[in-house]
Protein backbone atom coordinates (compact mmCIF):
# COMPACT_ATOMS: atom_id res chain seq x y z
CA UNK A 1 0.00 0.00 0.00
CA UNK A 2 1.23 3.46 -0.89
CA UNK A 3 1.89 5.93 1.88
CA UNK A 4 -0.64 8.73 1.65
CA UNK A 5 0.14 12.34 2.42
CA UNK A 6 -1.96 14.70 4.49
CA UNK A 7 -2.80 18.13 3.11
CA UNK A 8 0.02 19.66 5.16
CA UNK A 9 2.55 17.12 3.88
CA UNK A 10 1.42 17.44 0.26
CA UNK A 11 1.49 21.24 0.47
CA UNK A 12 5.03 21.10 1.88
CA UNK A 13 6.09 18.73 -0.91
CA UNK A 14 4.66 21.11 -3.54
CA UNK A 15 6.00 24.22 -1.76
CA UNK A 16 2.54 25.79 -1.61
CA UNK A 17 0.15 26.66 1.19
CA UNK A 18 -2.65 24.32 2.20
CA UNK A 19 -5.11 26.91 0.89
CA UNK A 20 -3.44 26.84 -2.55
CA UNK A 21 -3.47 23.03 -2.47
CA UNK A 22 -7.20 23.11 -1.73
CA UNK A 23 -7.77 25.45 -4.69
CA UNK A 24 -5.74 23.16 -6.95
CA UNK A 25 -7.91 20.24 -5.84
CA UNK A 26 -11.18 22.16 -6.31
CA UNK A 27 -10.10 23.27 -9.80
CA UNK A 28 -9.29 19.67 -10.75
CA UNK A 29 -5.58 20.32 -11.25
CA UNK A 30 -4.31 17.69 -8.81
CA UNK A 31 -5.57 14.21 -8.03
CA UNK A 32 -6.56 13.28 -4.49
CA UNK A 33 -8.15 10.52 -2.47
CA UNK A 34 -11.29 11.31 -0.51
CA UNK A 35 -11.35 8.93 2.44
CA UNK A 36 -14.43 10.76 3.73
CA UNK A 37 -16.01 14.09 2.81
CA UNK A 38 -13.63 15.86 5.16
CA UNK A 39 -10.58 13.56 5.08
CA UNK A 40 -8.57 14.23 1.91
CA UNK A 41 -5.23 12.53 1.26
CA UNK A 42 -2.75 12.68 -1.59
CA UNK A 43 -0.50 10.09 -3.17
CA UNK A 44 3.14 11.16 -3.58
CA UNK A 45 3.09 10.14 -7.27
CA UNK A 46 0.08 12.41 -7.87
CA UNK A 47 2.03 15.32 -6.41
CA UNK A 48 4.99 14.42 -8.64
CA UNK A 49 2.68 14.20 -11.67
CA UNK A 50 1.34 17.66 -10.87
CA UNK A 51 4.87 19.04 -10.65
CA UNK A 52 5.77 17.40 -13.98
CA UNK A 53 2.65 18.86 -15.62
CA UNK A 54 3.70 22.36 -14.58
CA UNK A 55 7.20 22.14 -16.09
CA UNK A 56 7.77 24.78 -18.73
CA UNK A 57 10.58 25.56 -21.10
CA UNK A 58 11.64 29.17 -21.17
CA UNK A 59 11.43 30.82 -24.54
CA UNK A 60 13.21 33.96 -25.57
CA UNK A 61 11.02 36.97 -26.11
CA UNK A 62 11.35 38.03 -29.77
CA UNK A 63 11.31 41.71 -28.86
CA UNK A 64 14.50 41.32 -26.80
CA UNK A 65 16.35 39.15 -29.28
CA UNK A 66 19.41 41.17 -30.29
CA UNK A 67 19.69 39.52 -33.71
CA UNK A 68 16.41 40.92 -34.96
CA UNK A 69 15.83 44.63 -35.00
CA UNK A 70 12.76 46.49 -36.00
CA UNK A 71 13.20 48.51 -39.11
CA UNK A 72 10.78 50.87 -40.72
CA UNK A 73 9.62 49.65 -44.12
CA UNK A 74 7.52 52.73 -44.68
CA UNK A 75 8.90 55.35 -47.07
CA UNK A 76 6.29 58.00 -46.31
CA UNK A 77 7.22 60.88 -44.09
CA UNK A 78 4.97 61.77 -41.24
CA UNK A 79 3.97 65.24 -40.30
CA UNK A 80 3.13 66.43 -36.83
CA UNK A 81 -0.04 68.48 -36.76
CA UNK A 82 -0.76 70.65 -33.75
CA UNK A 83 -3.97 70.31 -31.82
CA UNK A 84 -5.22 73.79 -32.66
CA UNK A 85 -4.51 73.27 -36.37
CA UNK A 86 -6.46 70.00 -36.26
CA UNK A 87 -9.40 71.72 -34.54
CA UNK A 88 -9.36 74.52 -37.10
CA UNK A 89 -9.35 71.98 -39.94
CA UNK A 90 -12.37 70.24 -38.38
CA UNK A 91 -14.23 73.52 -38.01
CA UNK A 92 -13.51 74.46 -41.64
CA UNK A 93 -14.69 71.07 -42.82
CA UNK A 94 -18.06 71.37 -41.03
CA UNK A 95 -18.94 74.73 -42.59
């Protein structure tokens, strides 16, 4: 028979609080054994499976990759228009 872990032991194994462990269980993210409605135990292999399911591989953010730089492909020049000039153009267009 497999040794079963209490909520405190499983939380310590996962390095989370018992409250977080309860939320993981309620969201269906970790398997558990319900001995009774109030007595919940965890198998060590289920905790290890949860840890394995959370493993991620870091990926480099493309915006910080030094090999690729953003370049402007636009050949048009932009013009800054002041707020008052824009308002005057709107007023002239309405009349």
